[in-house]
Amino acid sequence: MDLQFGAHPTYYGLFGANLTTLLVAVAVLGVALFFKIRRKETWLFELAFLLFLLSFTFVTIHGRLLQYAFPISLPEQPLIDNNLTFNYVVTNVLAYAVIPVLAVFGWNRRVSFEELGLKVKNSRRTVEYTGLGLLFASAVFLATEFFFHQQWVIGYTTNGLIIWVVLVNVVSVFLQTLFFSGIIFNRYVGKVNVLLLAIIGVFAFQSYVSSNSLPWQVCNMLTVASKLFVTWKTKSIYGAVLIAVATGFIELALQIR
């Protein structure tokens, strides 16, 4: 069964946009305007702006600007085409970390390690909830993999595999988690309803998933929800990072076996 809710990049000359992320940003803006009309204080305008920014920066950098430095061959060949890996990780650095943090500063907001979820406040609590989240996410992934396997690795080189593991499975995953669990979630816990934040986070992340398979979309959304839950309970992103890295390694191992 197919459902078209995922990454939808569109290009306009030198610029590009992910229309799905743009749709999520518009929805968040609509909720912010609703609260404004009701004369309620809201931080959702800032969150909507960060999603608007991401919708343009990621696709423009990945699909246009970095094509000059790291041109990607089509069809894409992950684990073989190292330019794809280098392009992807640099895009993640800029779109998920550098640009949004600068944007927050531009709003005259302070940015602390604690707000971004980069400070462990309770080690024991972090370990406990990370373990539970990892068990849940792994079970959901393995069940989906067993019944709805999708093969996206068509081959690999040793060099390509090593570079992919380091730069994509670890570095890029950390940067993505920093944005979705830290910048647009943990920073706003206590300022915005946590359930609303989780819904925004789940759909925002899903808007960058390139899968039209309904079972895999459900799997991805449940996994993101588990990472956001762990972040909420531990007030840090490290548990979410571990869950994402671990499930990523499981997926890669099953792809290249």
Protein backbone atom coordinates (compact mmCIF):
# COMPACT_ATOMS: atom_id res chain seq x y z
CA MET A 1 0.00 0.00 0.00
CA ASP A 2 1.35 3.42 -0.98
CA LEU A 3 0.72 6.78 0.65
CA GLN A 4 2.36 9.91 -0.69
CA PHE A 5 3.46 11.60 2.53
CA GLY A 6 7.19 12.03 2.61
CA ALA A 7 9.96 14.07 1.06
CA HIS A 8 8.78 16.00 -2.00
CA PRO A 9 11.68 18.14 -3.28
CA THR A 10 10.91 20.64 -6.03
CA TYR A 11 13.39 22.93 -7.77
CA TYR A 12 13.07 26.45 -9.13
CA GLY A 13 16.31 27.28 -10.92
CA LEU A 14 19.10 27.49 -8.35
CA PHE A 15 16.68 27.10 -5.46
CA GLY A 16 14.68 24.20 -4.14
CA ALA A 17 12.07 23.42 -1.51
CA ASN A 18 10.64 20.38 0.21
CA LEU A 19 6.92 20.94 -0.30
CA THR A 20 5.96 18.49 2.43
CA THR A 21 8.00 20.33 5.06
CA LEU A 22 6.53 23.56 3.74
CA LEU A 23 3.06 22.12 4.29
CA VAL A 24 3.93 21.21 7.88
CA ALA A 25 5.29 24.73 8.44
CA VAL A 26 2.06 26.27 7.09
CA ALA A 27 0.02 24.06 9.44
CA VAL A 28 2.14 25.18 12.42
CA LEU A 29 1.75 28.80 11.32
CA GLY A 30 -2.03 28.28 11.18
CA VAL A 31 -2.07 27.00 14.77
CA ALA A 32 0.11 29.95 15.84
CA LEU A 33 -2.33 32.41 14.23
CA PHE A 34 -5.23 30.66 15.98
CA PHE A 35 -3.54 31.16 19.35
CA LYS A 36 -2.73 34.76 18.44
CA ILE A 37 -6.36 35.48 17.57
CA ARG A 38 -7.35 33.94 20.91
CA ARG A 39 -4.82 36.33 22.52
CA LYS A 40 -2.71 33.49 23.83
CA GLU A 41 1.06 33.72 24.01
CA THR A 42 2.72 31.25 21.64
CA TRP A 43 6.20 30.27 20.48
CA LEU A 44 4.86 28.53 17.40
CA PHE A 45 5.67 31.45 15.07
CA GLU A 46 9.35 30.83 15.75
CA LEU A 47 8.97 27.09 15.27
CA ALA A 48 7.08 27.62 12.00
CA PHE A 49 9.87 29.90 10.80
CA LEU A 50 12.50 27.23 11.52
CA LEU A 51 10.51 24.70 9.48
CA PHE A 52 10.03 27.20 6.63
CA LEU A 53 13.78 27.77 6.67
CA LEU A 54 14.54 24.04 6.65
CA SER A 55 12.13 23.40 3.78
CA PHE A 56 14.25 25.64 1.53
CA THR A 57 17.80 25.27 2.88
CA PHE A 58 18.09 21.46 2.86
CA VAL A 59 16.90 20.93 -0.71
CA THR A 60 18.72 23.98 -2.10
CA ILE A 61 22.03 23.02 -0.49
CA HIS A 62 21.77 19.29 -1.20
CA GLY A 63 20.31 19.38 -4.69
CA ARG A 64 21.77 22.59 -6.07
CA LEU A 65 24.64 24.38 -4.28
CA LEU A 66 26.70 21.33 -3.29
CA GLN A 67 26.31 19.78 -6.73
CA TYR A 68 29.28 21.92 -7.74
CA ALA A 69 31.52 20.52 -4.99
CA PHE A 70 30.05 17.02 -4.67
CA PRO A 71 28.03 16.17 -7.80
CA ILE A 72 25.69 13.21 -7.26
CA SER A 73 25.28 10.56 -9.92
CA LEU A 74 21.71 9.53 -10.79
CA PRO A 75 20.22 7.18 -9.91
CA GLU A 76 21.73 7.62 -6.45
CA GLN A 77 24.11 4.90 -5.31
CA PRO A 78 24.51 4.96 -1.52
CA LEU A 79 27.65 3.21 -0.17
CA ILE A 80 29.18 3.41 -3.66
CA ASP A 81 29.07 7.08 -4.64
CA ASN A 82 31.11 8.87 -1.96
CA ASN A 83 30.10 12.27 -3.37
CA LEU A 84 26.55 11.43 -2.27
CA THR A 85 27.79 10.80 1.28
CA PHE A 86 29.92 13.97 1.43
CA ASN A 87 27.12 16.07 -0.07
CA TYR A 88 24.63 14.65 2.42
CA VAL A 89 26.70 15.18 5.57
CA VAL A 90 27.66 18.77 4.67
CA THR A 91 23.99 19.48 3.95
CA ASN A 92 23.09 18.09 7.36
CA VAL A 93 25.71 20.24 9.10
CA LEU A 94 24.38 23.41 7.48
CA ALA A 95 20.63 22.73 7.34
CA TYR A 96 20.14 20.99 10.68
CA ALA A 97 22.69 22.77 12.89
CA VAL A 98 24.47 25.89 11.63
CA ILE A 99 21.59 27.73 9.91
CA PRO A 100 18.84 27.03 12.49
CA VAL A 101 21.10 27.96 15.42
CA LEU A 102 22.03 31.21 13.67
CA ALA A 103 18.33 31.80 13.00
CA VAL A 104 17.53 31.38 16.69
CA PHE A 105 20.24 33.92 17.52
CA GLY A 106 18.66 36.18 14.89
CA TRP A 107 15.44 36.08 16.92
CA ASN A 108 17.49 37.36 19.86
CA ARG A 109 16.99 34.06 21.66
CA ARG A 110 19.69 32.55 23.81
CA VAL A 111 20.84 29.05 22.97
CA SER A 112 22.23 26.85 25.72
CA PHE A 113 23.47 23.27 25.74
CA GLU A 114 20.67 22.42 28.17
CA GLU A 115 17.97 23.83 25.88
CA LEU A 116 19.34 21.86 22.94
CA GLY A 117 19.34 18.68 25.00
CA LEU A 118 23.12 18.42 25.00
CA LYS A 119 23.43 18.18 28.79
CA VAL A 120 22.64 14.97 30.66
CA LYS A 121 20.66 15.88 33.78
CA ASN A 122 20.09 12.40 35.19
CA SER A 123 22.32 9.57 33.97
CA ARG A 124 20.31 6.73 35.48
CA ARG A 125 17.01 8.06 34.12
CA THR A 126 18.62 8.54 30.71
CA VAL A 127 19.88 4.95 30.61
CA GLU A 128 16.52 3.51 31.72
CA TYR A 129 14.37 5.42 29.23
CA THR A 130 16.90 4.96 26.42
CA GLY A 131 16.81 1.20 26.98
CA LEU A 132 13.02 1.13 26.86
CA GLY A 133 12.93 3.37 23.79
CA LEU A 134 15.52 1.24 22.02
CA LEU A 135 13.62 -1.97 22.71
CA PHE A 136 10.40 -0.44 21.37
CA ALA A 137 11.99 1.13 18.27
CA SER A 138 13.97 -2.03 17.46
CA ALA A 139 10.87 -4.23 17.80
CA VAL A 140 8.83 -1.95 15.53
CA PHE A 141 11.64 -1.81 12.96
CA LEU A 142 12.30 -5.56 12.92
CA ALA A 143 8.59 -6.36 12.59
CA THR A 144 8.26 -3.94 9.68
CA GLU A 145 11.43 -5.29 8.08
CA PHE A 146 10.22 -8.88 8.40
CA PHE A 147 6.88 -8.24 6.70
CA PHE A 148 7.67 -5.32 4.37
CA HIS A 149 11.37 -5.49 3.47
CA GLN A 150 12.59 -2.76 1.11
CA GLN A 151 16.03 -3.13 -0.50
CA TRP A 152 17.77 0.21 -1.10
CA VAL A 153 21.40 -0.93 -1.07
CA ILE A 154 22.32 -2.29 -4.51
CA GLY A 155 25.99 -2.83 -3.68
CA TYR A 156 28.85 -1.29 -1.77
CA THR A 157 32.58 -0.77 -1.63
CA THR A 158 34.60 -1.19 1.56
CA ASN A 159 35.67 2.44 1.43
CA GLY A 160 32.13 3.60 0.69
CA LEU A 161 30.69 1.53 3.53
CA ILE A 162 33.15 2.90 6.10
CA ILE A 163 32.59 6.50 5.03
CA TRP A 164 28.81 5.98 5.06
CA VAL A 165 28.82 4.46 8.55
CA VAL A 166 30.84 7.33 10.02
CA LEU A 167 29.33 10.29 8.17
CA VAL A 168 25.73 9.14 7.70
CA ASN A 169 24.92 6.56 10.38
CA VAL A 170 26.67 8.54 13.12
CA VAL A 171 27.39 12.19 12.24
CA SER A 172 24.30 12.90 10.12
CA VAL A 173 22.01 11.01 12.49
CA PHE A 174 23.33 13.08 15.39
CA LEU A 175 22.70 16.33 13.49
CA GLN A 176 19.18 15.29 12.49
CA THR A 177 18.39 14.33 16.08
CA LEU A 178 19.82 17.64 17.28
CA PHE A 179 17.31 19.46 15.07
CA PHE A 180 14.17 17.33 15.47
CA SER A 181 14.63 16.35 19.12
CA GLY A 182 16.63 19.33 20.36
CA ILE A 183 16.06 22.53 18.42
CA ILE A 184 12.35 22.16 17.57
CA PHE A 185 11.31 19.97 20.51
CA ASN A 186 13.35 20.15 23.71
CA ARG A 187 13.79 23.95 23.41
CA TYR A 188 10.04 24.44 23.50
CA VAL A 189 9.07 21.91 26.19
CA GLY A 190 7.43 23.94 28.94
CA LYS A 191 6.54 26.70 26.47
CA VAL A 192 4.33 24.71 24.07
CA ASN A 193 2.03 21.78 24.80
CA VAL A 194 4.28 18.70 24.66
CA LEU A 195 1.74 16.60 22.70
CA LEU A 196 1.46 19.34 20.08
CA LEU A 197 5.25 19.54 19.92
CA ALA A 198 5.48 15.77 19.44
CA ILE A 199 2.92 15.81 16.61
CA ILE A 200 4.83 18.62 14.88
CA GLY A 201 8.13 16.79 15.38
CA VAL A 202 6.83 13.49 14.01
CA PHE A 203 5.34 15.03 10.86
CA ALA A 204 8.32 17.34 10.34
CA PHE A 205 10.70 14.37 10.42
CA GLN A 206 8.44 12.28 8.21
CA SER A 207 8.52 15.07 5.63
CA TYR A 208 12.18 14.18 5.00
CA VAL A 209 11.69 10.42 4.69
CA SER A 210 11.88 9.16 1.11
CA SER A 211 9.49 6.24 1.41
CA ASN A 212 5.97 5.96 0.02
CA SER A 213 5.28 2.65 1.77
CA LEU A 214 2.57 3.06 4.41
CA PRO A 215 3.99 0.38 6.78
CA TRP A 216 7.42 2.04 6.69
CA GLN A 217 5.91 5.46 7.25
CA VAL A 218 4.11 4.13 10.32
CA CYS A 219 7.38 2.54 11.47
CA ASN A 220 9.28 5.80 10.99
CA MET A 221 6.66 7.84 12.83
CA LEU A 222 6.53 5.43 15.78
CA THR A 223 10.33 5.47 15.96
CA VAL A 224 10.41 9.28 15.96
CA ALA A 225 7.67 9.34 18.61
CA SER A 226 9.75 7.03 20.81
CA LYS A 227 12.80 9.28 20.41
CA LEU A 228 10.80 12.38 21.31
CA PHE A 229 9.33 10.57 24.33
CA VAL A 230 12.80 9.65 25.55
CA THR A 231 13.98 13.23 24.98
CA TRP A 232 11.01 14.56 26.95
CA LYS A 233 11.58 12.21 29.87
CA THR A 234 15.37 12.65 30.03
CA LYS A 235 15.61 16.30 28.88
CA SER A 236 18.52 15.35 26.61
CA ILE A 237 18.88 14.11 23.04
CA TYR A 238 21.51 11.44 23.71
CA GLY A 239 18.99 8.66 24.23
CA ALA A 240 17.28 9.60 20.97
CA VAL A 241 20.66 9.66 19.22
CA LEU A 242 21.51 6.18 20.49
CA ILE A 243 18.12 4.83 19.35
CA ALA A 244 18.56 6.35 15.89
CA VAL A 245 22.16 5.15 15.50
CA ALA A 246 21.36 1.63 16.74
CA THR A 247 18.32 1.14 14.49
CA GLY A 248 20.34 2.60 11.61
CA PHE A 249 23.08 0.02 12.14
CA ILE A 250 20.51 -2.79 12.31
CA GLU A 251 18.98 -1.61 9.04
CA LEU A 252 22.36 -1.32 7.33
CA ALA A 253 23.43 -4.76 8.50
CA LEU A 254 20.25 -6.28 7.07
CA GLN A 255 20.72 -4.39 3.80
CA ILE A 256 24.29 -5.61 3.12
CA ARG A 257 24.02 -9.15 4.48
